[in-house]
Amino acid sequence: MKSMIRWAATLGLAGSAVIGSSVIGNMRVLALPQEQIVQKLGPVPVFTITDNKGAPLVAAVPNQPKQSGIAGVFISRQDAQAFVEQLKKKDPNLAKNVRVVPVSLGEVYKLDQANQNNPNALDFAYVPQKQQVNAAMTLLQQSGQKVQQFNGTPLFVAKAGNKEKGYLTVNQSNQQVIPFFFNKDELQAMLERFKKQKPDLASTVEIQVVNLEGVLQALQTRNDQALNQIVLVPPRESLEFVRSLEPAAPAQNQRPQPAKAQQSPRR
């Protein structure tokens, strides 16, 4: 838990990232080492429901008696808390012994990978925010796709460019990274700043949506510099909650001021 809080505080993208004016090319097609994937996912807080002993609340899987069950992994703490409130009405005796617990997405991924060859192991199901699923559906429909539902947990990423569009990057710790947002509105706010910095590219900006599960698969199976640059940006409310659990830092340890944005585009 302490390491997750530290990583989340270090991430700082939601509050202090500076828009870089560089645009990198499309991601091309050997997997990242598991340790590197775990480290990449580590700053992302997600939320589970556990009993008073810390064991996850498990739902049985119909017609699959060999499987231990499925534990929900909520992207939003508010959604997890709402689930508990519903549980209080349906099963008060069970609900009085459960609570919402933050956990690192990296730890969930690591445990899930360790259980891959165990048919009786606990499985995990990501529970996205309904509002973000609706936003993903709208984006796909606006692009002309005839979709009735969005499968998986949506992630939003921006591209721009007058000729060949590339993924927009931000400057984090003096490195250019590609932010994939769990919250579309937070990406939109970033884009408004970018458009002011680069008005000549404003009309070329577009938001694309992928799913978390597909990104995880790509990290496991493909070796590409662009994949190394991906940073998952948790919802602001998740970061703020995790930071609220961290002791107040001395003034000299407050996060530094944002760096100045670069001015020349890089293809």
Protein backbone atom coordinates (compact mmCIF):
# COMPACT_ATOMS: atom_id res chain seq x y z
CA MET A 1 0.00 0.00 0.00
CA LYS A 2 2.79 2.45 0.87
CA SER A 3 4.56 1.84 -2.44
CA MET A 4 1.32 2.46 -4.34
CA ILE A 5 0.82 5.79 -2.58
CA ARG A 6 4.38 6.82 -3.34
CA TRP A 7 4.09 5.89 -7.02
CA ALA A 8 0.72 7.61 -7.35
CA ALA A 9 2.14 10.79 -5.87
CA THR A 10 5.14 10.58 -8.18
CA LEU A 11 2.96 10.14 -11.26
CA GLY A 12 1.55 13.65 -11.03
CA LEU A 13 0.15 13.60 -14.55
CA ALA A 14 -3.39 14.54 -13.64
CA GLY A 15 -2.31 17.68 -11.87
CA SER A 16 1.04 18.84 -13.15
CA ALA A 17 1.80 17.44 -16.59
CA VAL A 18 2.83 19.89 -19.28
CA ILE A 19 1.65 19.39 -22.83
CA GLY A 20 4.54 18.62 -25.12
CA SER A 21 4.18 19.87 -28.66
CA SER A 22 5.85 16.79 -30.09
CA VAL A 23 3.82 14.21 -31.97
CA ILE A 24 5.19 10.70 -32.31
CA GLY A 25 4.35 8.25 -35.05
CA ASN A 26 1.86 5.41 -34.95
CA MET A 27 2.66 2.42 -32.73
CA ARG A 28 4.26 -0.40 -34.74
CA VAL A 29 4.16 -4.07 -34.37
CA LEU A 30 8.95 -9.58 -27.83
CA ALA A 31 6.93 -8.60 -24.90
CA LEU A 32 7.85 -6.26 -22.06
CA PRO A 33 9.18 -8.16 -19.02
CA GLN A 34 6.47 -8.79 -16.45
CA GLU A 35 8.37 -6.71 -13.89
CA GLN A 36 8.29 -3.73 -16.24
CA ILE A 37 4.56 -4.13 -16.86
CA VAL A 38 3.90 -4.34 -13.12
CA GLN A 39 5.94 -1.17 -12.60
CA LYS A 40 4.00 0.60 -15.38
CA LEU A 41 0.66 -0.36 -13.81
CA GLY A 42 1.81 0.30 -10.26
CA PRO A 43 0.79 3.99 -10.09
CA VAL A 44 -2.83 3.18 -10.99
CA PRO A 45 -5.07 2.75 -7.93
CA VAL A 46 -8.10 0.52 -8.32
CA PHE A 47 -10.59 -0.62 -5.71
CA THR A 48 -11.77 -3.99 -4.44
CA ILE A 49 -14.38 -5.11 -1.93
CA THR A 50 -12.97 -7.19 0.93
CA ASP A 51 -14.21 -8.69 4.18
CA ASN A 52 -12.85 -7.68 7.59
CA LYS A 53 -9.98 -10.17 7.15
CA GLY A 54 -8.90 -8.66 3.84
CA ALA A 55 -10.21 -11.47 1.64
CA PRO A 56 -11.88 -10.22 -1.58
CA LEU A 57 -15.62 -10.50 -2.00
CA VAL A 58 -16.15 -13.20 -4.61
CA ALA A 59 -19.05 -13.86 -6.96
CA ALA A 60 -19.64 -17.46 -8.00
CA VAL A 61 -19.46 -18.26 -11.70
CA PRO A 62 -22.55 -20.13 -12.98
CA ASN A 63 -21.87 -23.50 -14.61
CA GLN A 64 -18.17 -23.33 -13.74
CA PRO A 65 -17.81 -25.24 -10.49
CA LYS A 66 -14.04 -25.63 -10.85
CA GLN A 67 -13.44 -21.90 -10.73
CA SER A 68 -13.13 -20.23 -7.35
CA GLY A 69 -15.09 -17.20 -8.51
CA ILE A 70 -14.65 -13.64 -9.71
CA ALA A 71 -13.59 -10.60 -7.71
CA GLY A 72 -14.59 -7.18 -8.99
CA VAL A 73 -11.85 -4.60 -9.56
CA PHE A 74 -13.47 -1.16 -9.70
CA ILE A 75 -11.83 1.69 -11.58
CA SER A 76 -13.82 4.19 -9.48
CA ARG A 77 -13.89 4.24 -5.68
CA GLN A 78 -17.34 5.83 -5.85
CA ASP A 79 -18.64 2.90 -7.89
CA ALA A 80 -17.14 0.45 -5.42
CA GLN A 81 -18.75 2.32 -2.53
CA ALA A 82 -22.08 2.39 -4.36
CA PHE A 83 -21.85 -1.40 -4.73
CA VAL A 84 -21.39 -1.71 -0.98
CA GLU A 85 -24.41 0.52 -0.36
CA GLN A 86 -26.52 -1.70 -2.61
CA LEU A 87 -25.21 -4.75 -0.80
CA LYS A 88 -26.38 -3.26 2.49
CA LYS A 89 -29.95 -3.36 1.18
CA LYS A 90 -29.73 -6.84 -0.35
CA ASP A 91 -27.62 -8.62 2.27
CA PRO A 92 -27.10 -6.47 5.41
CA ASN A 93 -25.34 -9.27 7.31
CA LEU A 94 -22.73 -9.65 4.60
CA ALA A 95 -22.41 -5.92 3.96
CA LYS A 96 -21.54 -5.06 7.57
CA ASN A 97 -18.30 -7.01 7.22
CA VAL A 98 -17.07 -5.60 3.91
CA ARG A 99 -15.22 -2.45 2.94
CA VAL A 100 -13.69 -0.74 -0.09
CA VAL A 101 -9.92 -1.17 -0.29
CA PRO A 102 -7.53 0.56 -2.71
CA VAL A 103 -4.95 -1.65 -4.38
CA SER A 104 -2.39 -1.16 -7.13
CA LEU A 105 -3.41 -2.27 -10.61
CA GLY A 106 0.11 -3.65 -10.87
CA GLU A 107 -0.52 -5.97 -7.93
CA VAL A 108 -3.82 -7.15 -9.44
CA TYR A 109 -2.06 -7.85 -12.74
CA LYS A 110 0.80 -9.66 -11.01
CA LEU A 111 -1.58 -11.92 -9.07
CA ASP A 112 -3.68 -12.59 -12.15
CA GLN A 113 -0.59 -13.63 -14.12
CA ALA A 114 0.55 -15.92 -11.30
CA ASN A 115 -2.84 -17.69 -11.45
CA GLN A 116 -2.94 -18.18 -15.22
CA ASN A 117 -2.32 -21.94 -15.08
CA ASN A 118 -4.50 -22.61 -12.05
CA PRO A 119 -8.11 -23.42 -13.06
CA ASN A 120 -9.26 -23.06 -9.45
CA ALA A 121 -7.68 -19.66 -8.91
CA LEU A 122 -9.57 -16.46 -8.29
CA ASP A 123 -10.32 -14.48 -11.42
CA PHE A 124 -10.63 -10.70 -11.68
CA ALA A 125 -13.18 -8.62 -13.57
CA TYR A 126 -12.56 -4.93 -14.20
CA VAL A 127 -15.59 -2.74 -13.54
CA PRO A 128 -15.38 0.48 -15.60
CA GLN A 129 -17.30 3.67 -14.87
CA LYS A 130 -20.60 3.68 -16.72
CA GLN A 131 -20.12 7.32 -17.73
CA GLN A 132 -16.81 6.47 -19.41
CA VAL A 133 -18.32 3.47 -21.18
CA ASN A 134 -21.03 5.75 -22.55
CA ALA A 135 -18.38 8.25 -23.67
CA ALA A 136 -16.50 5.45 -25.45
CA MET A 137 -19.68 4.33 -27.20
CA THR A 138 -20.37 7.87 -28.37
CA LEU A 139 -16.86 8.24 -29.79
CA LEU A 140 -17.13 4.98 -31.71
CA GLN A 141 -20.55 5.86 -33.08
CA GLN A 142 -19.37 9.32 -34.12
CA SER A 143 -16.54 7.67 -36.04
CA GLY A 144 -19.11 5.69 -38.03
CA GLN A 145 -18.86 2.38 -36.21
CA LYS A 146 -22.13 0.58 -35.59
CA VAL A 147 -21.61 -0.69 -32.05
CA GLN A 148 -24.20 -1.70 -29.49
CA GLN A 149 -21.86 -2.04 -26.53
CA PHE A 150 -18.28 -1.39 -25.51
CA ASN A 151 -16.34 -4.42 -24.37
CA GLY A 152 -13.82 -3.88 -21.62
CA THR A 153 -12.57 -0.86 -19.72
CA PRO A 154 -12.19 2.25 -21.93
CA LEU A 155 -8.99 4.23 -22.21
CA PHE A 156 -8.84 7.52 -24.12
CA VAL A 157 -5.84 8.75 -26.09
CA ALA A 158 -5.32 11.73 -28.40
CA LYS A 159 -3.72 12.00 -31.83
CA ALA A 160 -2.94 14.99 -34.02
CA GLY A 161 -1.00 15.99 -37.11
CA ASN A 162 -1.51 17.73 -40.42
CA LYS A 163 -0.20 14.86 -42.53
CA GLU A 164 0.32 11.63 -40.62
CA LYS A 165 -1.36 11.72 -37.23
CA GLY A 166 0.69 10.69 -34.22
CA TYR A 167 0.00 10.20 -30.53
CA LEU A 168 0.28 13.36 -28.46
CA THR A 169 2.81 13.24 -25.68
CA VAL A 170 3.32 15.00 -22.37
CA ASN A 171 6.53 15.83 -20.56
CA GLN A 172 6.94 13.72 -17.42
CA SER A 173 10.25 13.78 -15.56
CA ASN A 174 12.00 15.12 -18.67
CA GLN A 175 10.67 12.25 -20.80
CA GLN A 176 7.99 12.25 -23.46
CA VAL A 177 5.21 9.82 -22.59
CA ILE A 178 1.86 8.95 -24.18
CA PRO A 179 -0.96 9.41 -21.67
CA PHE A 180 -3.92 7.02 -21.84
CA PHE A 181 -6.73 8.43 -19.70
CA PHE A 182 -9.41 6.48 -17.84
CA ASN A 183 -11.50 9.67 -17.84
CA LYS A 184 -12.34 11.31 -21.18
CA ASP A 185 -13.07 14.73 -19.65
CA GLU A 186 -9.59 14.86 -18.12
CA LEU A 187 -8.05 14.15 -21.51
CA GLN A 188 -10.26 16.85 -23.00
CA ALA A 189 -8.95 19.38 -20.48
CA MET A 190 -5.40 18.49 -21.48
CA LEU A 191 -6.30 18.97 -25.15
CA GLU A 192 -7.70 22.45 -24.54
CA ARG A 193 -4.30 23.50 -23.23
CA PHE A 194 -2.57 21.82 -26.19
CA LYS A 195 -4.78 23.66 -28.69
CA LYS A 196 -3.80 26.99 -27.15
CA GLN A 197 -0.12 26.07 -27.37
CA LYS A 198 -0.37 24.73 -30.93
CA PRO A 199 -3.34 26.42 -32.64
CA ASP A 200 -2.09 25.23 -36.04
CA LEU A 201 -2.77 21.65 -34.95
CA ALA A 202 -6.01 22.31 -33.07
CA SER A 203 -8.27 21.24 -35.93
CA THR A 204 -6.36 17.97 -36.40
CA VAL A 205 -6.81 16.71 -32.84
CA GLU A 206 -8.92 13.60 -32.39
CA ILE A 207 -9.66 11.35 -29.43
CA GLN A 208 -9.49 7.60 -29.86
CA VAL A 209 -10.69 4.91 -27.48
CA VAL A 210 -9.17 1.50 -26.79
CA ASN A 211 -9.71 -0.88 -23.91
CA LEU A 212 -7.46 -1.59 -20.96
CA GLU A 213 -7.53 -5.30 -21.62
CA GLY A 214 -6.21 -4.79 -25.15
CA VAL A 215 -3.42 -2.53 -23.92
CA LEU A 216 -2.39 -5.15 -21.36
CA GLN A 217 -2.32 -7.77 -24.10
CA ALA A 218 -0.14 -5.53 -26.26
CA LEU A 219 2.28 -4.95 -23.39
CA GLN A 220 2.58 -8.72 -22.93
CA THR A 221 3.07 -9.66 -26.57
CA ARG A 222 4.68 -6.75 -28.44
CA ASN A 223 8.02 -4.99 -28.19
CA ASP A 224 7.74 -1.39 -29.35
CA GLN A 225 9.24 1.86 -28.16
CA ALA A 226 5.80 3.49 -28.21
CA LEU A 227 4.50 0.85 -25.79
CA ASN A 228 7.32 1.75 -23.43
CA GLN A 229 6.08 5.35 -23.54
CA ILE A 230 2.50 4.56 -22.53
CA VAL A 231 1.43 5.92 -19.15
CA LEU A 232 -2.00 5.12 -17.73
CA VAL A 233 -3.58 8.17 -16.11
CA PRO A 234 -6.02 7.21 -13.33
CA PRO A 235 -9.16 9.26 -12.65
CA ARG A 236 -8.34 12.37 -10.67
CA GLU A 237 -10.67 11.34 -7.86
CA SER A 238 -8.73 8.09 -7.42
CA LEU A 239 -5.39 9.87 -7.17
CA GLU A 240 -6.77 12.44 -4.76
CA PHE A 241 -8.16 9.71 -2.51
CA VAL A 242 -4.87 7.81 -2.46
CA ARG A 243 -2.93 10.99 -1.75
CA SER A 244 -5.30 11.75 1.12
CA LEU A 245 -4.03 8.57 2.79
CA GLU A 246 -0.43 9.78 2.62
CA PRO A 247 1.03 11.86 5.48
CA ALA A 248 1.50 15.54 4.62
CA ALA A 249 4.89 16.17 3.03
CA PRO A 250 7.22 18.93 4.29
CA ALA A 251 7.22 22.10 2.21
CA GLN A 252 10.62 21.33 0.69
CA ASN A 253 9.31 18.00 -0.60
CA GLN A 254 6.34 19.42 -2.50
CA ARG A 255 6.26 18.42 -6.17
CA PRO A 256 8.29 20.71 -8.48
CA GLN A 257 6.74 23.22 -10.82
CA PRO A 258 5.90 21.95 -14.33
CA ALA A 259 8.63 22.12 -16.91
CA LYS A 260 8.29 24.43 -19.89
CA ALA A 261 6.69 22.87 -22.93
CA GLN A 262 8.82 22.12 -25.94
CA GLN A 263 8.16 24.24 -28.99
CA SER A 264 9.21 22.18 -32.03
CA PRO A 265 7.14 19.28 -33.30
CA ARG A 266 8.95 15.94 -33.73
CA ARG A 267 7.64 13.47 -36.30
